[in-house]
Amino acid sequence: MFDSIDQIDKISGKYSKGKIIANLNINEGLWFFNVHFKSDPVMPGCLGLDAMWQLLGFYLCWLKLPGYGRALGSDKVKFFGQVTPNAKKVRYEIHIKRVINRGAVVGFADGDMFVDDRHVYSA
């Protein structure tokens, strides 16, 4: 659930181990606004969370590490707001904490989601 990746690197971020910044342009025609919820349209929270997981998986692929880029879980998720059809842009910031490459590859990161520069999710 993102349109573009604007930054990806191995050295910046909160932990100086890598960072990804990605965006999703919002418009009222996005498929989920018509079905979630019919009289109160919002982007399902799980789509924002899944986007953060996808970005971490993409980061591991970008490092050319083997694997499938699938999420294993999240320690803690917090929702502070929601994405409505009148929003313009969602921005995801993923801060890499650790990458383990011992047979299986596992990535750990903190993720934040912003709607029009307002913090709405963290994981």
C-alpha atoms as a PDB file:
ATOM      1  CA  MET A   1       0.000   0.000   0.000  1.00  0.00           C
ATOM      2  CA  PHE A   2       2.505   2.573  -1.148  1.00  0.00           C
ATOM      3  CA  ASP A   3       3.069   4.392  -4.429  1.00  0.00           C
ATOM      4  CA  SER A   4       6.710   5.374  -4.155  1.00  0.00           C
ATOM      5  CA  ILE A   5       9.859   4.873  -2.129  1.00  0.00           C
ATOM      6  CA  ASP A   6      11.574   8.221  -1.765  1.00  0.00           C
ATOM      7  CA  GLN A   7      14.528   7.154   0.364  1.00  0.00           C
ATOM      8  CA  ILE A   8      16.244   3.898   1.167  1.00  0.00           C
ATOM      9  CA  ASP A   9      19.699   3.574   2.691  1.00  0.00           C
ATOM     10  CA  LYS A  10      21.811   1.524   5.095  1.00  0.00           C
ATOM     11  CA  ILE A  11      23.164   4.250   7.381  1.00  0.00           C
ATOM     12  CA  SER A  12      20.539   6.787   8.437  1.00  0.00           C
ATOM     13  CA  GLY A  13      17.482   6.490  10.670  1.00  0.00           C
ATOM     14  CA  LYS A  14      17.022   6.525  14.430  1.00  0.00           C
ATOM     15  CA  TYR A  15      19.493   3.672  14.881  1.00  0.00           C
ATOM     16  CA  SER A  16      21.937   4.582  12.071  1.00  0.00           C
ATOM     17  CA  LYS A  17      21.268   1.163  10.502  1.00  0.00           C
ATOM     18  CA  GLY A  18      19.006   2.183   7.647  1.00  0.00           C
ATOM     19  CA  LYS A  19      15.836   4.016   6.806  1.00  0.00           C
ATOM     20  CA  ILE A  20      13.035   3.838   4.266  1.00  0.00           C
ATOM     21  CA  ILE A  21      10.614   6.639   3.451  1.00  0.00           C
ATOM     22  CA  ALA A  22       7.655   5.785   1.244  1.00  0.00           C
ATOM     23  CA  ASN A  23       4.409   7.497   0.261  1.00  0.00           C
ATOM     24  CA  LEU A  24       0.850   6.665  -0.678  1.00  0.00           C
ATOM     25  CA  ASN A  25      -1.213   9.311  -2.463  1.00  0.00           C
ATOM     26  CA  ILE A  26      -4.759   9.387  -1.119  1.00  0.00           C
ATOM     27  CA  ASN A  27      -7.893  10.088  -3.129  1.00  0.00           C
ATOM     28  CA  GLU A  28     -11.528   9.306  -2.476  1.00  0.00           C
ATOM     29  CA  GLY A  29     -11.561   6.753  -5.315  1.00  0.00           C
ATOM     30  CA  LEU A  30      -9.303   4.275  -3.493  1.00  0.00           C
ATOM     31  CA  TRP A  31     -11.084   0.912  -3.325  1.00  0.00           C
ATOM     32  CA  PHE A  32     -11.209   0.568   0.445  1.00  0.00           C
ATOM     33  CA  PHE A  33     -13.139   3.803   1.043  1.00  0.00           C
ATOM     34  CA  ASN A  34     -16.203   2.279  -0.665  1.00  0.00           C
ATOM     35  CA  VAL A  35     -16.269  -0.794   1.568  1.00  0.00           C
ATOM     36  CA  HIS A  36     -14.674   0.206   4.900  1.00  0.00           C
ATOM     37  CA  PHE A  37     -16.939   1.536   6.339  1.00  0.00           C
ATOM     38  CA  LYS A  38     -19.890   2.282   4.096  1.00  0.00           C
ATOM     39  CA  SER A  39     -21.133   5.330   6.021  1.00  0.00           C
ATOM     40  CA  ASP A  40     -17.786   6.236   7.626  1.00  0.00           C
ATOM     41  CA  PRO A  41     -15.012   5.672   5.044  1.00  0.00           C
ATOM     42  CA  VAL A  42     -11.526   5.074   6.458  1.00  0.00           C
ATOM     43  CA  MET A  43      -8.447   3.158   5.325  1.00  0.00           C
ATOM     44  CA  PRO A  44      -8.336  -0.146   7.239  1.00  0.00           C
ATOM     45  CA  GLY A  45      -5.622   0.016   9.879  1.00  0.00           C
ATOM     46  CA  CYS A  46      -4.253  -3.355   8.795  1.00  0.00           C
ATOM     47  CA  LEU A  47      -3.375  -1.913   5.353  1.00  0.00           C
ATOM     48  CA  GLY A  48      -1.089   0.692   6.888  1.00  0.00           C
ATOM     49  CA  LEU A  49       0.506  -1.916   9.111  1.00  0.00           C
ATOM     50  CA  ASP A  50       0.955  -4.262   6.152  1.00  0.00           C
ATOM     51  CA  ALA A  51       2.616  -1.477   4.156  1.00  0.00           C
ATOM     52  CA  MET A  52       5.198  -1.066   6.916  1.00  0.00           C
ATOM     53  CA  TRP A  53       5.839  -4.822   6.884  1.00  0.00           C
ATOM     54  CA  GLN A  54       6.134  -4.793   3.088  1.00  0.00           C
ATOM     55  CA  LEU A  55       8.674  -1.984   3.267  1.00  0.00           C
ATOM     56  CA  LEU A  56      10.829  -3.906   5.738  1.00  0.00           C
ATOM     57  CA  GLY A  57      10.665  -6.935   3.432  1.00  0.00           C
ATOM     58  CA  PHE A  58      11.588  -4.725   0.484  1.00  0.00           C
ATOM     59  CA  TYR A  59      14.562  -3.399   2.455  1.00  0.00           C
ATOM     60  CA  LEU A  60      15.854  -6.941   3.027  1.00  0.00           C
ATOM     61  CA  CYS A  61      15.488  -7.684  -0.699  1.00  0.00           C
ATOM     62  CA  TRP A  62      17.225  -4.381  -1.503  1.00  0.00           C
ATOM     63  CA  LEU A  63      20.145  -5.644   0.600  1.00  0.00           C
ATOM     64  CA  LYS A  64      20.119  -8.716  -1.700  1.00  0.00           C
ATOM     65  CA  LEU A  65      19.417 -11.060   1.203  1.00  0.00           C
ATOM     66  CA  PRO A  66      17.587 -14.348   0.566  1.00  0.00           C
ATOM     67  CA  GLY A  67      14.015 -14.851   1.680  1.00  0.00           C
ATOM     68  CA  TYR A  68      10.410 -14.125   0.907  1.00  0.00           C
ATOM     69  CA  GLY A  69       9.961 -10.677   2.469  1.00  0.00           C
ATOM     70  CA  ARG A  70       7.128 -11.852   4.704  1.00  0.00           C
ATOM     71  CA  ALA A  71       6.254 -10.371   8.057  1.00  0.00           C
ATOM     72  CA  LEU A  72       6.466 -12.519  11.160  1.00  0.00           C
ATOM     73  CA  GLY A  73       4.715 -10.141  13.516  1.00  0.00           C
ATOM     74  CA  SER A  74       4.813  -6.946  15.455  1.00  0.00           C
ATOM     75  CA  ASP A  75       5.674  -6.361  19.074  1.00  0.00           C
ATOM     76  CA  LYS A  76       3.454  -3.342  19.632  1.00  0.00           C
ATOM     77  CA  VAL A  77       1.058  -1.419  17.393  1.00  0.00           C
ATOM     78  CA  LYS A  78      -0.518   1.925  18.282  1.00  0.00           C
ATOM     79  CA  PHE A  79      -3.158   3.856  16.359  1.00  0.00           C
ATOM     80  CA  PHE A  80      -3.450   7.587  16.997  1.00  0.00           C
ATOM     81  CA  GLY A  81      -5.643   8.585  14.053  1.00  0.00           C
ATOM     82  CA  GLN A  82      -7.057   7.404  10.753  1.00  0.00           C
ATOM     83  CA  VAL A  83      -6.875   7.949   7.001  1.00  0.00           C
ATOM     84  CA  THR A  84     -10.027   9.482   5.533  1.00  0.00           C
ATOM     85  CA  PRO A  85     -10.854  10.323   1.896  1.00  0.00           C
ATOM     86  CA  ASN A  86     -10.059  14.013   2.440  1.00  0.00           C
ATOM     87  CA  ALA A  87      -6.401  13.240   3.285  1.00  0.00           C
ATOM     88  CA  LYS A  88      -3.770  13.941   0.636  1.00  0.00           C
ATOM     89  CA  LYS A  89      -0.744  11.807   1.460  1.00  0.00           C
ATOM     90  CA  VAL A  90       0.382   8.982   3.722  1.00  0.00           C
ATOM     91  CA  ARG A  91       4.083   8.833   4.556  1.00  0.00           C
ATOM     92  CA  TYR A  92       5.761   5.770   6.011  1.00  0.00           C
ATOM     93  CA  GLU A  93       9.068   5.982   7.883  1.00  0.00           C
ATOM     94  CA  ILE A  94      10.819   2.715   8.665  1.00  0.00           C
ATOM     95  CA  HIS A  95      13.876   2.821  10.950  1.00  0.00           C
ATOM     96  CA  ILE A  96      15.948  -0.352  10.767  1.00  0.00           C
ATOM     97  CA  LYS A  97      17.038  -1.652  14.174  1.00  0.00           C
ATOM     98  CA  ARG A  98      18.708  -4.939  13.289  1.00  0.00           C
ATOM     99  CA  VAL A  99      19.119  -7.473  10.505  1.00  0.00           C
ATOM    100  CA  ILE A 100      19.966 -11.083  11.353  1.00  0.00           C
ATOM    101  CA  ASN A 101      21.376 -13.257   8.573  1.00  0.00           C
ATOM    102  CA  ARG A 102      22.065 -16.720  10.019  1.00  0.00           C
ATOM    103  CA  GLY A 103      20.431 -19.152   7.631  1.00  0.00           C
ATOM    104  CA  ALA A 104      17.109 -17.378   7.912  1.00  0.00           C
ATOM    105  CA  VAL A 105      17.026 -13.621   7.409  1.00  0.00           C
ATOM    106  CA  VAL A 106      15.018 -11.546   9.877  1.00  0.00           C
ATOM    107  CA  GLY A 107      14.683  -7.770  10.006  1.00  0.00           C
ATOM    108  CA  PHE A 108      13.646  -5.666  12.966  1.00  0.00           C
ATOM    109  CA  ALA A 109      12.498  -2.070  12.632  1.00  0.00           C
ATOM    110  CA  ASP A 110      10.334   0.671  14.060  1.00  0.00           C
ATOM    111  CA  GLY A 111       7.687   1.996  11.711  1.00  0.00           C
ATOM    112  CA  ASP A 112       5.685   5.196  11.782  1.00  0.00           C
ATOM    113  CA  MET A 113       2.850   6.286   9.534  1.00  0.00           C
ATOM    114  CA  PHE A 114       1.855   9.900   8.988  1.00  0.00           C
ATOM    115  CA  VAL A 115      -1.210  11.355   7.273  1.00  0.00           C
ATOM    116  CA  ASP A 116      -0.592  14.859   5.939  1.00  0.00           C
ATOM    117  CA  ASP A 117       2.349  15.098   8.395  1.00  0.00           C
ATOM    118  CA  ARG A 118       0.243  13.994  11.394  1.00  0.00           C
ATOM    119  CA  HIS A 119       1.505  10.863  13.204  1.00  0.00           C
ATOM    120  CA  VAL A 120      -1.263   8.231  13.123  1.00  0.00           C
ATOM    121  CA  TYR A 121       0.304   4.735  13.551  1.00  0.00           C
ATOM    122  CA  SER A 122       3.418   3.276  15.099  1.00  0.00           C
ATOM    123  CA  ALA A 123       4.660  -0.298  15.134  1.00  0.00           C
END
